[in-house]
């Protein structure tokens, strides 16, 4: 619970710093926003480790293939990276680039998830043959 206060505090202080920096040294504002985003992302990754450990235990217990869990983790990582890059582009006033980054992220998620679609088709085929 205390972690959210840390993340929120870092975010608010960083946002204030970036706003001030944008007024006096706009060329450094992007770098400061990027640095703040990286710090917040690493903080979130450290917290997410517990989630992945818990999910790994559930995956082992359920008998689902670990490769499928890996695919889901990669898709999640692609979504996070694409969202952060898109938000940074929007912050710089480049909405057109941001929308293309978002679209590319969706394409990469689809490509990464293709093995799951083939497994779903196999399950459907086995159900039809019953």
C-alpha atoms as a PDB file:
ATOM      1  CA  UNK A   1       0.000   0.000   0.000  1.00  0.00           C
ATOM      2  CA  UNK A   2       2.834   2.397   0.795  1.00  0.00           C
ATOM      3  CA  UNK A   3       4.317   1.805  -2.640  1.00  0.00           C
ATOM      4  CA  UNK A   4       1.511   3.704  -4.352  1.00  0.00           C
ATOM      5  CA  UNK A   5       2.301   6.762  -2.256  1.00  0.00           C
ATOM      6  CA  UNK A   6       5.935   6.517  -3.338  1.00  0.00           C
ATOM      7  CA  UNK A   7       4.967   6.226  -7.000  1.00  0.00           C
ATOM      8  CA  UNK A   8       2.433   9.050  -6.735  1.00  0.00           C
ATOM      9  CA  UNK A   9       4.936  11.273  -4.941  1.00  0.00           C
ATOM     10  CA  UNK A  10       7.632  10.675  -7.537  1.00  0.00           C
ATOM     11  CA  UNK A  11       5.123  11.325 -10.326  1.00  0.00           C
ATOM     12  CA  UNK A  12       3.792  14.582  -8.854  1.00  0.00           C
ATOM     13  CA  UNK A  13       7.240  15.952  -8.029  1.00  0.00           C
ATOM     14  CA  UNK A  14       8.530  14.944 -11.470  1.00  0.00           C
ATOM     15  CA  UNK A  15       5.553  16.534 -13.219  1.00  0.00           C
ATOM     16  CA  UNK A  16       6.095  19.779 -11.317  1.00  0.00           C
ATOM     17  CA  UNK A  17       9.787  19.713 -12.153  1.00  0.00           C
ATOM     18  CA  UNK A  18       9.079  19.101 -15.848  1.00  0.00           C
ATOM     19  CA  UNK A  19       6.549  21.963 -15.942  1.00  0.00           C
ATOM     20  CA  UNK A  20       9.082  24.328 -14.381  1.00  0.00           C
ATOM     21  CA  UNK A  21      11.818  23.104 -16.674  1.00  0.00           C
ATOM     22  CA  UNK A  22       9.579  23.549 -19.720  1.00  0.00           C
ATOM     23  CA  UNK A  23       9.190  27.247 -18.887  1.00  0.00           C
ATOM     24  CA  UNK A  24      12.888  28.006 -18.473  1.00  0.00           C
ATOM     25  CA  UNK A  25      14.746  25.306 -20.395  1.00  0.00           C
ATOM     26  CA  UNK A  26      12.266  23.560 -22.730  1.00  0.00           C
ATOM     27  CA  UNK A  27      15.051  21.574 -24.399  1.00  0.00           C
ATOM     28  CA  UNK A  28      15.654  19.683 -21.134  1.00  0.00           C
ATOM     29  CA  UNK A  29      11.994  19.004 -20.324  1.00  0.00           C
ATOM     30  CA  UNK A  30      11.790  15.925 -22.550  1.00  0.00           C
ATOM     31  CA  UNK A  31      14.872  14.372 -20.954  1.00  0.00           C
ATOM     32  CA  UNK A  32      13.519  15.034 -17.467  1.00  0.00           C
ATOM     33  CA  UNK A  33      10.154  13.495 -18.366  1.00  0.00           C
ATOM     34  CA  UNK A  34      11.911  10.481 -19.865  1.00  0.00           C
ATOM     35  CA  UNK A  35      14.086  10.039 -16.770  1.00  0.00           C
ATOM     36  CA  UNK A  36      11.054  10.271 -14.490  1.00  0.00           C
ATOM     37  CA  UNK A  37       9.229   7.714 -16.626  1.00  0.00           C
ATOM     38  CA  UNK A  38      12.157   5.301 -16.451  1.00  0.00           C
ATOM     39  CA  UNK A  39      12.357   5.646 -12.669  1.00  0.00           C
ATOM     40  CA  UNK A  40       8.626   5.016 -12.330  1.00  0.00           C
ATOM     41  CA  UNK A  41       8.806   2.071 -14.741  1.00  0.00           C
ATOM     42  CA  UNK A  42      11.630   0.397 -12.811  1.00  0.00           C
ATOM     43  CA  UNK A  43       9.707   0.932  -9.583  1.00  0.00           C
ATOM     44  CA  UNK A  44       6.665  -0.747 -11.147  1.00  0.00           C
ATOM     45  CA  UNK A  45       8.761  -3.636 -12.489  1.00  0.00           C
ATOM     46  CA  UNK A  46      10.129  -4.310  -9.021  1.00  0.00           C
ATOM     47  CA  UNK A  47       6.583  -4.403  -7.668  1.00  0.00           C
ATOM     48  CA  UNK A  48       5.366  -6.557 -10.562  1.00  0.00           C
ATOM     49  CA  UNK A  49       7.891  -9.270  -9.693  1.00  0.00           C
ATOM     50  CA  UNK A  50       5.593 -10.462  -6.908  1.00  0.00           C
ATOM     51  CA  UNK A  51       2.698 -10.680  -9.349  1.00  0.00           C
ATOM     52  CA  UNK A  52       4.728 -12.750 -11.802  1.00  0.00           C
ATOM     53  CA  UNK A  53       5.900 -15.085  -9.027  1.00  0.00           C
ATOM     54  CA  UNK A  54       2.293 -15.577  -7.900  1.00  0.00           C
ATOM     55  CA  UNK A  55       1.073 -16.140 -11.450  1.00  0.00           C
ATOM     56  CA  UNK A  56       3.893 -18.599 -12.067  1.00  0.00           C
ATOM     57  CA  UNK A  57       2.688 -20.647  -9.090  1.00  0.00           C
ATOM     58  CA  UNK A  58      -0.844 -20.642 -10.454  1.00  0.00           C
ATOM     59  CA  UNK A  59       0.408 -21.665 -13.895  1.00  0.00           C
ATOM     60  CA  UNK A  60       2.342 -24.606 -12.432  1.00  0.00           C
ATOM     61  CA  UNK A  61      -0.672 -25.726 -10.420  1.00  0.00           C
ATOM     62  CA  UNK A  62      -3.102 -25.448 -13.346  1.00  0.00           C
ATOM     63  CA  UNK A  63      -0.979 -27.371 -15.820  1.00  0.00           C
ATOM     64  CA  UNK A  64      -1.018 -24.609 -18.445  1.00  0.00           C
ATOM     65  CA  UNK A  65       2.130 -24.492 -20.558  1.00  0.00           C
ATOM     66  CA  UNK A  66       4.686 -21.982 -19.286  1.00  0.00           C
ATOM     67  CA  UNK A  67       5.306 -20.841 -22.847  1.00  0.00           C
ATOM     68  CA  UNK A  68       1.785 -19.413 -22.918  1.00  0.00           C
ATOM     69  CA  UNK A  69       2.446 -17.436 -19.764  1.00  0.00           C
ATOM     70  CA  UNK A  70       5.644 -16.121 -21.331  1.00  0.00           C
ATOM     71  CA  UNK A  71       3.690 -14.964 -24.359  1.00  0.00           C
ATOM     72  CA  UNK A  72       1.251 -13.093 -22.137  1.00  0.00           C
ATOM     73  CA  UNK A  73       4.107 -11.429 -20.244  1.00  0.00           C
ATOM     74  CA  UNK A  74       5.721 -10.353 -23.523  1.00  0.00           C
ATOM     75  CA  UNK A  75       2.398  -8.941 -24.756  1.00  0.00           C
ATOM     76  CA  UNK A  76       2.017  -7.019 -21.502  1.00  0.00           C
ATOM     77  CA  UNK A  77       5.560  -5.650 -21.832  1.00  0.00           C
ATOM     78  CA  UNK A  78       4.891  -4.556 -25.417  1.00  0.00           C
ATOM     79  CA  UNK A  79       1.739  -2.750 -24.269  1.00  0.00           C
ATOM     80  CA  UNK A  80       3.597  -0.940 -21.489  1.00  0.00           C
ATOM     81  CA  UNK A  81       6.494   0.132 -23.709  1.00  0.00           C
ATOM     82  CA  UNK A  82       4.176   1.287 -26.501  1.00  0.00           C
ATOM     83  CA  UNK A  83       1.994   3.248 -24.061  1.00  0.00           C
ATOM     84  CA  UNK A  84       4.981   4.982 -22.461  1.00  0.00           C
ATOM     85  CA  UNK A  85       6.469   5.862 -25.859  1.00  0.00           C
ATOM     86  CA  UNK A  86       3.099   7.091 -27.101  1.00  0.00           C
ATOM     87  CA  UNK A  87       2.560   9.238 -24.009  1.00  0.00           C
ATOM     88  CA  UNK A  88       6.036  10.747 -24.347  1.00  0.00           C
ATOM     89  CA  UNK A  89       5.339  11.602 -27.978  1.00  0.00           C
ATOM     90  CA  UNK A  90       2.027  13.191 -26.956  1.00  0.00           C
ATOM     91  CA  UNK A  91       3.798  15.188 -24.249  1.00  0.00           C
ATOM     92  CA  UNK A  92       6.150  16.539 -26.903  1.00  0.00           C
ATOM     93  CA  UNK A  93       3.197  17.597 -29.042  1.00  0.00           C
ATOM     94  CA  UNK A  94       3.683  14.830 -31.594  1.00  0.00           C
ATOM     95  CA  UNK A  95       0.234  13.241 -31.587  1.00  0.00           C
ATOM     96  CA  UNK A  96       0.670  11.807 -35.070  1.00  0.00           C
ATOM     97  CA  UNK A  97       3.802   9.898 -34.073  1.00  0.00           C
ATOM     98  CA  UNK A  98       2.103   8.820 -30.836  1.00  0.00           C
ATOM     99  CA  UNK A  99      -0.796   7.241 -32.721  1.00  0.00           C
ATOM    100  CA  UNK A 100       1.606   5.354 -34.971  1.00  0.00           C
ATOM    101  CA  UNK A 101       3.560   4.037 -31.990  1.00  0.00           C
ATOM    102  CA  UNK A 102       0.289   2.887 -30.462  1.00  0.00           C
ATOM    103  CA  UNK A 103      -0.714   1.153 -33.702  1.00  0.00           C
ATOM    104  CA  UNK A 104       2.690  -0.519 -34.017  1.00  0.00           C
ATOM    105  CA  UNK A 105       2.357  -1.772 -30.437  1.00  0.00           C
ATOM    106  CA  UNK A 106      -0.986  -3.382 -31.304  1.00  0.00           C
ATOM    107  CA  UNK A 107       0.540  -5.080 -34.342  1.00  0.00           C
ATOM    108  CA  UNK A 108       3.457  -6.402 -32.255  1.00  0.00           C
ATOM    109  CA  UNK A 109       1.045  -7.748 -29.631  1.00  0.00           C
ATOM    110  CA  UNK A 110      -0.935  -9.524 -32.346  1.00  0.00           C
ATOM    111  CA  UNK A 111       2.226 -11.029 -33.849  1.00  0.00           C
ATOM    112  CA  UNK A 112       3.460 -12.130 -30.419  1.00  0.00           C
ATOM    113  CA  UNK A 113       0.090 -13.713 -29.572  1.00  0.00           C
ATOM    114  CA  UNK A 114      -0.221 -15.727 -32.807  1.00  0.00           C
ATOM    115  CA  UNK A 115       0.977 -18.978 -31.164  1.00  0.00           C
ATOM    116  CA  UNK A 116      -1.902 -18.659 -28.693  1.00  0.00           C
ATOM    117  CA  UNK A 117      -4.382 -18.449 -31.563  1.00  0.00           C
ATOM    118  CA  UNK A 118      -3.100 -21.719 -33.011  1.00  0.00           C
ATOM    119  CA  UNK A 119      -3.512 -23.386 -29.619  1.00  0.00           C
ATOM    120  CA  UNK A 120      -7.046 -22.048 -29.342  1.00  0.00           C
ATOM    121  CA  UNK A 121      -7.812 -23.490 -32.775  1.00  0.00           C
ATOM    122  CA  UNK A 122      -6.449 -26.871 -31.655  1.00  0.00           C
ATOM    123  CA  UNK A 123      -8.703 -26.793 -28.586  1.00  0.00           C
ATOM    124  CA  UNK A 124     -11.709 -25.903 -30.749  1.00  0.00           C
ATOM    125  CA  UNK A 125     -10.850 -28.705 -33.150  1.00  0.00           C
ATOM    126  CA  UNK A 126     -10.581 -31.218 -30.308  1.00  0.00           C
ATOM    127  CA  UNK A 127     -13.944 -30.085 -28.941  1.00  0.00           C
ATOM    128  CA  UNK A 128     -15.578 -30.466 -32.345  1.00  0.00           C
ATOM    129  CA  UNK A 129     -14.167 -33.993 -32.726  1.00  0.00           C
ATOM    130  CA  UNK A 130     -15.660 -35.122 -29.417  1.00  0.00           C
END
